[in-house]
Amino acid sequence: MKQMLYVLALMLVYVLSSCNSNVIFDKNNPLEHESWSYEQPQTFKVAIEDTAVRYNIYVSIRHSFHFEWRNLWVNIATQFPDGEKLSKRVNLLLSEADGRWFGDCSSDNCFIQIPLQENVIFPAEGTYEFVITQDMRVNPLANIRNVGLKVEKVISTAEKN
């Protein structure tokens, strides 16, 4: 019986992962002690092989209900395959003004994927490095559990049908 459940679980994982074939990168880094300091940049290396399609880029945050703010300021630095670097300060909204959290929340855990850029065209094939650092006034920042990055191909309406 245990083997049967194990096989069914593996099949479910395979089916669910094949449904997201447009996702080319999805990684979440756990933060030690649920605390994010300035000295803990979160680095993600994404291989881009197709420059003819558009991509959506998301920042993923998993946090506790005890996170004290409704937003999270971060710096996002991007290094292109040719070595060029761009950096931008971004405000990630995590809750409504009344304190209701965005994203999927249960128990003491919230997970949200926030669009960083949509319909992006990468100018060259190769590895892009994204470095996300927290830029709040508090250091370290408590009750942040994971920081992640997701990159997916934009599927056109014609491709969906």
N, C-alpha and C. Protein backbone atom coordinates (compact mmCIF):
# COMPACT_ATOMS: atom_id res chain seq x y z
N MET A 1 0.83 -1.20 0.00
CA MET A 1 0.00 0.00 0.00
C MET A 1 0.87 1.26 0.00
N LYS A 2 1.96 1.26 0.80
CA LYS A 2 2.84 2.42 0.84
C LYS A 2 3.47 2.68 -0.52
N GLN A 3 3.85 1.59 -1.20
CA GLN A 3 4.46 1.75 -2.52
C GLN A 3 3.47 2.36 -3.51
N MET A 4 2.23 1.93 -3.43
CA MET A 4 1.20 2.45 -4.32
C MET A 4 1.01 3.95 -4.09
N LEU A 5 0.96 4.38 -2.84
CA LEU A 5 0.82 5.81 -2.53
C LEU A 5 2.04 6.59 -3.02
N TYR A 6 3.21 6.01 -2.87
CA TYR A 6 4.45 6.65 -3.32
C TYR A 6 4.42 6.85 -4.83
N VAL A 7 4.02 5.82 -5.57
CA VAL A 7 3.93 5.89 -7.03
C VAL A 7 2.89 6.93 -7.45
N LEU A 8 1.75 6.95 -6.79
CA LEU A 8 0.72 7.94 -7.10
C LEU A 8 1.21 9.36 -6.84
N ALA A 9 1.94 9.55 -5.75
CA ALA A 9 2.50 10.87 -5.43
C ALA A 9 3.49 11.31 -6.50
N LEU A 10 4.35 10.40 -6.94
CA LEU A 10 5.31 10.73 -8.00
C LEU A 10 4.60 11.09 -9.31
N MET A 11 3.55 10.35 -9.62
CA MET A 11 2.80 10.65 -10.84
C MET A 11 2.13 12.01 -10.76
N LEU A 12 1.61 12.35 -9.59
CA LEU A 12 0.99 13.66 -9.40
C LEU A 12 2.00 14.78 -9.58
N VAL A 13 3.18 14.62 -9.01
CA VAL A 13 4.23 15.63 -9.16
C VAL A 13 4.61 15.78 -10.62
N TYR A 14 4.73 14.68 -11.34
CA TYR A 14 5.07 14.73 -12.76
C TYR A 14 4.00 15.46 -13.56
N VAL A 15 2.73 15.13 -13.32
CA VAL A 15 1.63 15.77 -14.04
C VAL A 15 1.59 17.26 -13.75
N LEU A 16 1.72 17.62 -12.49
CA LEU A 16 1.67 19.05 -12.13
C LEU A 16 2.85 19.81 -12.72
N SER A 17 4.03 19.21 -12.74
CA SER A 17 5.19 19.91 -13.29
C SER A 17 5.09 20.04 -14.79
N SER A 18 4.49 19.06 -15.48
CA SER A 18 4.36 19.16 -16.93
C SER A 18 3.32 20.20 -17.32
N CYS A 19 2.38 20.52 -16.44
CA CYS A 19 1.39 21.56 -16.73
C CYS A 19 2.03 22.94 -16.76
N ASN A 20 3.17 23.11 -16.14
CA ASN A 20 3.84 24.40 -16.08
C ASN A 20 5.07 24.41 -16.97
N SER A 21 4.96 23.90 -18.19
CA SER A 21 6.12 23.82 -19.07
C SER A 21 6.62 25.19 -19.49
N ASN A 22 5.83 26.23 -19.27
CA ASN A 22 6.29 27.57 -19.60
C ASN A 22 7.22 28.15 -18.52
N VAL A 23 7.28 27.53 -17.36
CA VAL A 23 8.17 28.00 -16.30
C VAL A 23 9.58 27.51 -16.59
N ILE A 24 10.52 28.46 -16.74
CA ILE A 24 11.90 28.05 -17.02
C ILE A 24 12.79 28.13 -15.79
N PHE A 25 12.33 28.85 -14.76
CA PHE A 25 13.12 28.96 -13.53
C PHE A 25 12.17 29.28 -12.39
N ASP A 26 12.31 28.57 -11.29
CA ASP A 26 11.49 28.82 -10.10
C ASP A 26 12.25 28.30 -8.89
N LYS A 27 12.84 29.21 -8.13
CA LYS A 27 13.64 28.80 -6.98
C LYS A 27 13.34 29.73 -5.81
N ASN A 28 13.19 29.12 -4.63
CA ASN A 28 12.97 29.88 -3.40
C ASN A 28 14.07 29.53 -2.41
N ASN A 29 14.76 30.54 -1.92
CA ASN A 29 15.84 30.34 -0.96
C ASN A 29 15.33 30.55 0.46
N PRO A 30 15.47 29.54 1.32
CA PRO A 30 15.07 29.72 2.72
C PRO A 30 16.07 30.64 3.44
N LEU A 31 15.55 31.45 4.34
CA LEU A 31 16.40 32.34 5.13
C LEU A 31 16.58 31.76 6.53
N GLU A 32 17.81 31.70 6.96
CA GLU A 32 18.12 31.14 8.27
C GLU A 32 17.50 31.99 9.37
N HIS A 33 16.85 31.35 10.31
CA HIS A 33 16.22 32.00 11.47
C HIS A 33 15.11 32.97 11.07
N GLU A 34 14.56 32.80 9.85
CA GLU A 34 13.49 33.68 9.36
C GLU A 34 13.85 35.15 9.51
N SER A 35 15.09 35.44 9.13
CA SER A 35 15.62 36.79 9.29
C SER A 35 16.46 37.11 8.05
N TRP A 36 16.29 38.32 7.50
CA TRP A 36 16.99 38.71 6.28
C TRP A 36 17.80 39.97 6.55
N SER A 37 19.11 39.85 6.49
CA SER A 37 19.98 41.01 6.74
C SER A 37 20.51 41.57 5.43
N TYR A 38 21.05 42.77 5.51
CA TYR A 38 21.64 43.42 4.35
C TYR A 38 22.77 42.56 3.76
N GLU A 39 23.43 41.80 4.62
CA GLU A 39 24.58 40.99 4.21
C GLU A 39 24.17 39.64 3.63
N GLN A 40 22.89 39.42 3.35
CA GLN A 40 22.40 38.15 2.80
C GLN A 40 21.73 38.37 1.44
N PRO A 41 22.50 38.75 0.44
CA PRO A 41 21.88 38.89 -0.89
C PRO A 41 21.43 37.52 -1.39
N GLN A 42 20.29 37.51 -2.03
CA GLN A 42 19.74 36.27 -2.59
C GLN A 42 20.02 36.27 -4.09
N THR A 43 20.82 35.30 -4.54
CA THR A 43 21.31 35.28 -5.91
C THR A 43 20.63 34.15 -6.69
N PHE A 44 20.22 34.48 -7.91
CA PHE A 44 19.56 33.53 -8.79
C PHE A 44 20.17 33.64 -10.18
N LYS A 45 20.63 32.53 -10.72
CA LYS A 45 21.20 32.50 -12.07
C LYS A 45 20.22 31.79 -13.00
N VAL A 46 19.80 32.52 -14.03
CA VAL A 46 18.78 32.03 -14.95
C VAL A 46 19.37 31.92 -16.35
N ALA A 47 19.28 30.72 -16.91
CA ALA A 47 19.76 30.49 -18.28
C ALA A 47 18.64 30.81 -19.26
N ILE A 48 18.91 31.75 -20.15
CA ILE A 48 17.95 32.12 -21.19
C ILE A 48 18.47 31.58 -22.52
N GLU A 49 17.67 30.72 -23.14
CA GLU A 49 18.07 30.09 -24.40
C GLU A 49 17.30 30.63 -25.59
N ASP A 50 16.15 31.25 -25.34
CA ASP A 50 15.29 31.70 -26.43
C ASP A 50 15.02 33.20 -26.29
N THR A 51 15.59 33.99 -27.19
CA THR A 51 15.39 35.45 -27.13
C THR A 51 14.24 35.90 -28.02
N ALA A 52 13.56 34.95 -28.65
CA ALA A 52 12.45 35.29 -29.54
C ALA A 52 11.11 35.34 -28.82
N VAL A 53 11.07 34.91 -27.57
CA VAL A 53 9.82 34.91 -26.82
C VAL A 53 9.89 35.95 -25.71
N ARG A 54 8.72 36.25 -25.15
CA ARG A 54 8.64 37.18 -24.03
C ARG A 54 8.53 36.39 -22.73
N TYR A 55 8.95 37.03 -21.63
CA TYR A 55 8.97 36.38 -20.33
C TYR A 55 8.31 37.26 -19.28
N ASN A 56 7.78 36.62 -18.24
CA ASN A 56 7.33 37.30 -17.03
C ASN A 56 8.30 36.92 -15.92
N ILE A 57 8.64 37.91 -15.10
CA ILE A 57 9.57 37.69 -13.99
C ILE A 57 8.84 38.07 -12.69
N TYR A 58 8.90 37.17 -11.71
CA TYR A 58 8.23 37.38 -10.42
C TYR A 58 9.23 37.27 -9.28
N VAL A 59 9.00 38.05 -8.24
CA VAL A 59 9.71 37.88 -6.98
C VAL A 59 8.76 37.13 -6.05
N SER A 60 9.26 36.10 -5.39
CA SER A 60 8.45 35.31 -4.47
C SER A 60 8.90 35.60 -3.04
N ILE A 61 7.93 35.80 -2.17
CA ILE A 61 8.21 36.05 -0.75
C ILE A 61 7.33 35.14 0.09
N ARG A 62 7.95 34.45 1.03
CA ARG A 62 7.20 33.69 2.04
C ARG A 62 7.52 34.35 3.37
N HIS A 63 6.46 34.75 4.10
CA HIS A 63 6.66 35.47 5.36
C HIS A 63 5.65 34.99 6.40
N SER A 64 5.92 35.36 7.62
CA SER A 64 5.05 35.04 8.74
C SER A 64 3.95 36.10 8.84
N PHE A 65 2.83 35.72 9.48
CA PHE A 65 1.79 36.70 9.80
C PHE A 65 2.33 37.81 10.70
N HIS A 66 3.42 37.53 11.38
CA HIS A 66 3.99 38.50 12.32
C HIS A 66 4.90 39.53 11.65
N PHE A 67 5.03 39.47 10.33
CA PHE A 67 5.80 40.49 9.62
C PHE A 67 5.15 41.84 9.90
N GLU A 68 5.95 42.82 10.27
CA GLU A 68 5.42 44.08 10.81
C GLU A 68 4.96 45.11 9.77
N TRP A 69 5.34 44.94 8.51
CA TRP A 69 5.04 45.96 7.53
C TRP A 69 4.15 45.41 6.42
N ARG A 70 3.52 46.32 5.70
CA ARG A 70 2.65 45.89 4.59
C ARG A 70 3.38 45.88 3.27
N ASN A 71 4.64 46.29 3.29
CA ASN A 71 5.44 46.27 2.07
C ASN A 71 6.87 45.84 2.40
N LEU A 72 7.63 45.63 1.35
CA LEU A 72 9.03 45.21 1.50
C LEU A 72 9.83 45.88 0.40
N TRP A 73 10.76 46.76 0.80
CA TRP A 73 11.64 47.40 -0.18
C TRP A 73 12.83 46.48 -0.42
N VAL A 74 13.14 46.29 -1.72
CA VAL A 74 14.30 45.48 -2.11
C VAL A 74 15.06 46.19 -3.21
N ASN A 75 16.33 45.85 -3.33
CA ASN A 75 17.13 46.24 -4.48
C ASN A 75 17.29 45.00 -5.34
N ILE A 76 17.08 45.16 -6.63
CA ILE A 76 17.25 44.04 -7.54
C ILE A 76 18.30 44.43 -8.58
N ALA A 77 19.40 43.71 -8.54
CA ALA A 77 20.49 43.94 -9.48
C ALA A 77 20.47 42.81 -10.51
N THR A 78 20.60 43.18 -11.77
CA THR A 78 20.62 42.20 -12.85
C THR A 78 21.94 42.32 -13.59
N GLN A 79 22.61 41.18 -13.75
CA GLN A 79 23.83 41.16 -14.56
C GLN A 79 23.52 40.36 -15.83
N PHE A 80 23.77 40.99 -16.97
CA PHE A 80 23.53 40.38 -18.26
C PHE A 80 24.70 39.48 -18.65
N PRO A 81 24.50 38.59 -19.62
CA PRO A 81 25.60 37.70 -20.03
C PRO A 81 26.86 38.44 -20.48
N ASP A 82 26.71 39.66 -21.02
CA ASP A 82 27.88 40.42 -21.47
C ASP A 82 28.56 41.19 -20.34
N GLY A 83 28.04 41.06 -19.10
CA GLY A 83 28.64 41.73 -17.96
C GLY A 83 27.98 43.04 -17.57
N GLU A 84 27.12 43.58 -18.43
CA GLU A 84 26.42 44.82 -18.10
C GLU A 84 25.55 44.58 -16.87
N LYS A 85 25.45 45.62 -16.00
CA LYS A 85 24.65 45.50 -14.78
C LYS A 85 23.63 46.62 -14.70
N LEU A 86 22.44 46.27 -14.24
CA LEU A 86 21.39 47.24 -13.95
C LEU A 86 20.90 46.98 -12.54
N SER A 87 20.51 48.06 -11.85
CA SER A 87 20.01 47.91 -10.49
C SER A 87 18.80 48.81 -10.31
N LYS A 88 17.83 48.30 -9.55
CA LYS A 88 16.61 49.07 -9.33
C LYS A 88 16.07 48.78 -7.94
N ARG A 89 15.59 49.84 -7.27
CA ARG A 89 14.93 49.69 -5.97
C ARG A 89 13.44 49.48 -6.24
N VAL A 90 12.85 48.44 -5.60
CA VAL A 90 11.48 48.05 -5.88
C VAL A 90 10.70 47.93 -4.57
N ASN A 91 9.47 48.43 -4.57
CA ASN A 91 8.58 48.31 -3.43
C ASN A 91 7.62 47.15 -3.68
N LEU A 92 7.71 46.10 -2.87
CA LEU A 92 6.85 44.94 -3.00
C LEU A 92 5.71 45.06 -1.99
N LEU A 93 4.48 45.19 -2.47
CA LEU A 93 3.32 45.29 -1.58
C LEU A 93 2.91 43.90 -1.12
N LEU A 94 2.76 43.73 0.20
CA LEU A 94 2.42 42.43 0.77
C LEU A 94 1.01 42.38 1.34
N SER A 95 0.41 43.56 1.64
CA SER A 95 -0.93 43.54 2.23
C SER A 95 -1.74 44.76 1.81
N GLU A 96 -3.05 44.63 2.05
CA GLU A 96 -3.97 45.76 1.88
C GLU A 96 -3.68 46.78 2.98
N ALA A 97 -4.22 47.97 2.84
CA ALA A 97 -4.05 49.01 3.86
C ALA A 97 -4.64 48.58 5.20
N ASP A 98 -5.69 47.73 5.16
CA ASP A 98 -6.32 47.29 6.40
C ASP A 98 -5.60 46.08 7.04
N GLY A 99 -4.49 45.64 6.44
CA GLY A 99 -3.71 44.56 7.03
C GLY A 99 -3.98 43.18 6.46
N ARG A 100 -4.95 43.04 5.56
CA ARG A 100 -5.20 41.73 4.95
C ARG A 100 -4.07 41.42 3.98
N TRP A 101 -3.45 40.25 4.18
CA TRP A 101 -2.30 39.85 3.37
C TRP A 101 -2.72 39.49 1.95
N PHE A 102 -1.88 39.86 0.99
CA PHE A 102 -2.03 39.37 -0.37
C PHE A 102 -1.42 37.97 -0.43
N GLY A 103 -1.72 37.23 -1.48
CA GLY A 103 -1.11 35.92 -1.67
C GLY A 103 -1.89 34.82 -0.99
N ASP A 104 -1.26 33.67 -0.90
CA ASP A 104 -1.86 32.49 -0.28
C ASP A 104 -1.38 32.41 1.16
N CYS A 105 -2.32 32.48 2.09
CA CYS A 105 -1.98 32.46 3.51
C CYS A 105 -2.73 31.34 4.21
N SER A 106 -2.02 30.67 5.10
CA SER A 106 -2.65 29.69 5.97
C SER A 106 -1.78 29.55 7.21
N SER A 107 -2.45 29.26 8.32
CA SER A 107 -1.74 29.15 9.59
C SER A 107 -0.95 30.43 9.81
N ASP A 108 0.35 30.33 9.99
CA ASP A 108 1.22 31.51 10.20
C ASP A 108 2.15 31.70 9.01
N ASN A 109 1.64 31.46 7.82
CA ASN A 109 2.49 31.44 6.65
C ASN A 109 1.79 32.09 5.46
N CYS A 110 2.46 33.03 4.80
CA CYS A 110 1.94 33.65 3.58
C CYS A 110 2.97 33.52 2.48
N PHE A 111 2.48 33.21 1.28
CA PHE A 111 3.34 33.11 0.11
C PHE A 111 2.74 33.97 -0.99
N ILE A 112 3.58 34.81 -1.59
CA ILE A 112 3.11 35.70 -2.65
C ILE A 112 4.16 35.77 -3.75
N GLN A 113 3.68 35.78 -4.99
CA GLN A 113 4.54 36.02 -6.14
C GLN A 113 4.12 37.35 -6.73
N ILE A 114 5.05 38.28 -6.77
CA ILE A 114 4.76 39.64 -7.20
C ILE A 114 5.42 39.87 -8.56
N PRO A 115 4.64 40.30 -9.55
CA PRO A 115 5.24 40.56 -10.86
C PRO A 115 6.30 41.66 -10.76
N LEU A 116 7.48 41.34 -11.24
CA LEU A 116 8.57 42.31 -11.28
C LEU A 116 8.59 42.98 -12.65
N GLN A 117 8.53 42.16 -13.69
CA GLN A 117 8.45 42.66 -15.06
C GLN A 117 7.62 41.67 -15.87
N GLU A 118 6.81 42.21 -16.77
CA GLU A 118 5.98 41.36 -17.63
C GLU A 118 6.31 41.64 -19.09
N ASN A 119 6.21 40.61 -19.90
CA ASN A 119 6.48 40.69 -21.34
C ASN A 119 7.88 41.21 -21.65
N VAL A 120 8.85 40.70 -20.92
CA VAL A 120 10.24 41.10 -21.09
C VAL A 120 10.85 40.32 -22.24
N ILE A 121 11.67 40.98 -23.03
CA ILE A 121 12.47 40.31 -24.03
C ILE A 121 13.92 40.38 -23.57
N PHE A 122 14.55 39.24 -23.38
CA PHE A 122 15.96 39.21 -23.03
C PHE A 122 16.76 39.46 -24.30
N PRO A 123 17.73 40.40 -24.26
CA PRO A 123 18.43 40.78 -25.49
C PRO A 123 19.44 39.76 -26.01
N ALA A 124 19.88 38.85 -25.15
CA ALA A 124 20.90 37.89 -25.59
C ALA A 124 20.71 36.56 -24.87
N GLU A 125 21.14 35.50 -25.52
CA GLU A 125 21.14 34.19 -24.87
C GLU A 125 22.26 34.17 -23.84
N GLY A 126 22.08 33.36 -22.82
CA GLY A 126 23.13 33.21 -21.82
C GLY A 126 22.55 33.23 -20.42
N THR A 127 23.44 33.34 -19.45
CA THR A 127 23.04 33.32 -18.04
C THR A 127 22.90 34.74 -17.51
N TYR A 128 21.73 35.01 -16.95
CA TYR A 128 21.43 36.28 -16.30
C TYR A 128 21.47 36.04 -14.80
N GLU A 129 22.11 36.94 -14.08
CA GLU A 129 22.18 36.81 -12.63
C GLU A 129 21.33 37.91 -11.99
N PHE A 130 20.40 37.49 -11.13
CA PHE A 130 19.55 38.42 -10.40
C PHE A 130 19.95 38.34 -8.93
N VAL A 131 20.23 39.50 -8.33
CA VAL A 131 20.60 39.56 -6.92
C VAL A 131 19.60 40.45 -6.21
N ILE A 132 18.91 39.87 -5.22
CA ILE A 132 17.88 40.59 -4.48
C ILE A 132 18.38 40.81 -3.06
N THR A 133 18.40 42.08 -2.63
CA THR A 133 18.80 42.41 -1.26
C THR A 133 17.67 43.21 -0.62
N GLN A 134 17.48 42.97 0.67
CA GLN A 134 16.44 43.74 1.36
C GLN A 134 16.94 45.15 1.59
N ASP A 135 16.04 46.13 1.50
CA ASP A 135 16.42 47.54 1.63
C ASP A 135 15.45 48.28 2.54
N MET A 136 15.09 47.64 3.64
CA MET A 136 14.23 48.27 4.63
C MET A 136 15.12 49.04 5.61
N ARG A 137 14.52 49.81 6.48
CA ARG A 137 15.27 50.57 7.48
C ARG A 137 15.71 49.71 8.65
N VAL A 138 15.15 48.51 8.73
CA VAL A 138 15.44 47.60 9.84
C VAL A 138 16.38 46.50 9.34
N ASN A 139 17.41 46.23 10.13
CA ASN A 139 18.35 45.18 9.77
C ASN A 139 18.79 44.45 11.03
N PRO A 140 18.61 43.15 11.10
CA PRO A 140 17.99 42.30 10.09
C PRO A 140 16.47 42.43 10.12
N LEU A 141 15.86 41.96 9.06
CA LEU A 141 14.42 42.03 8.90
C LEU A 141 13.82 40.69 9.33
N ALA A 142 13.02 40.73 10.40
CA ALA A 142 12.46 39.50 10.97
C ALA A 142 11.22 39.03 10.23
N ASN A 143 10.94 37.74 10.34
CA ASN A 143 9.73 37.09 9.86
C ASN A 143 9.63 36.97 8.34
N ILE A 144 10.77 36.98 7.65
CA ILE A 144 10.83 36.65 6.23
C ILE A 144 11.43 35.25 6.15
N ARG A 145 10.70 34.34 5.55
CA ARG A 145 11.11 32.93 5.54
C ARG A 145 11.84 32.51 4.27
N ASN A 146 11.38 32.98 3.12
CA ASN A 146 11.98 32.61 1.84
C ASN A 146 11.95 33.81 0.90
N VAL A 147 12.93 33.85 0.03
CA VAL A 147 12.96 34.81 -1.06
C VAL A 147 13.21 34.01 -2.33
N GLY A 148 12.43 34.31 -3.37
CA GLY A 148 12.57 33.53 -4.58
C GLY A 148 12.41 34.34 -5.84
N LEU A 149 12.69 33.66 -6.95
CA LEU A 149 12.55 34.27 -8.26
C LEU A 149 11.92 33.23 -9.19
N LYS A 150 10.98 33.69 -10.01
CA LYS A 150 10.34 32.81 -10.99
C LYS A 150 10.37 33.51 -12.34
N VAL A 151 10.75 32.76 -13.38
CA VAL A 151 10.75 33.28 -14.74
C VAL A 151 9.95 32.30 -15.59
N GLU A 152 8.98 32.84 -16.33
CA GLU A 152 8.17 31.98 -17.18
C GLU A 152 8.01 32.61 -18.55
N LYS A 153 7.87 31.74 -19.54
CA LYS A 153 7.59 32.21 -20.89
C LYS A 153 6.14 32.67 -20.94
N VAL A 154 5.90 33.75 -21.68
CA VAL A 154 4.54 34.23 -21.89
C VAL A 154 3.94 33.35 -22.98
N ILE A 155 2.81 32.75 -22.67
CA ILE A 155 2.12 31.91 -23.63
C ILE A 155 1.07 32.75 -24.34
N SER A 156 1.17 32.84 -25.65
CA SER A 156 0.20 33.63 -26.41
C SER A 156 -1.13 32.89 -26.47
N THR A 157 -2.17 33.62 -26.79
CA THR A 157 -3.51 33.04 -26.88
C THR A 157 -3.53 31.93 -27.92
N ALA A 158 -2.83 32.08 -29.02
CA ALA A 158 -2.80 31.06 -30.08
C ALA A 158 -2.15 29.78 -29.58
N GLU A 159 -1.12 29.90 -28.72
CA GLU A 159 -0.44 28.73 -28.19
C GLU A 159 -1.29 27.99 -27.16
N LYS A 160 -2.16 28.71 -26.46
CA LYS A 160 -3.01 28.10 -25.45
C LYS A 160 -4.07 27.21 -26.07
N ASN A 161 -4.51 27.55 -27.28
CA ASN A 161 -5.60 26.79 -27.94
C ASN A 161 -5.08 25.68 -28.77
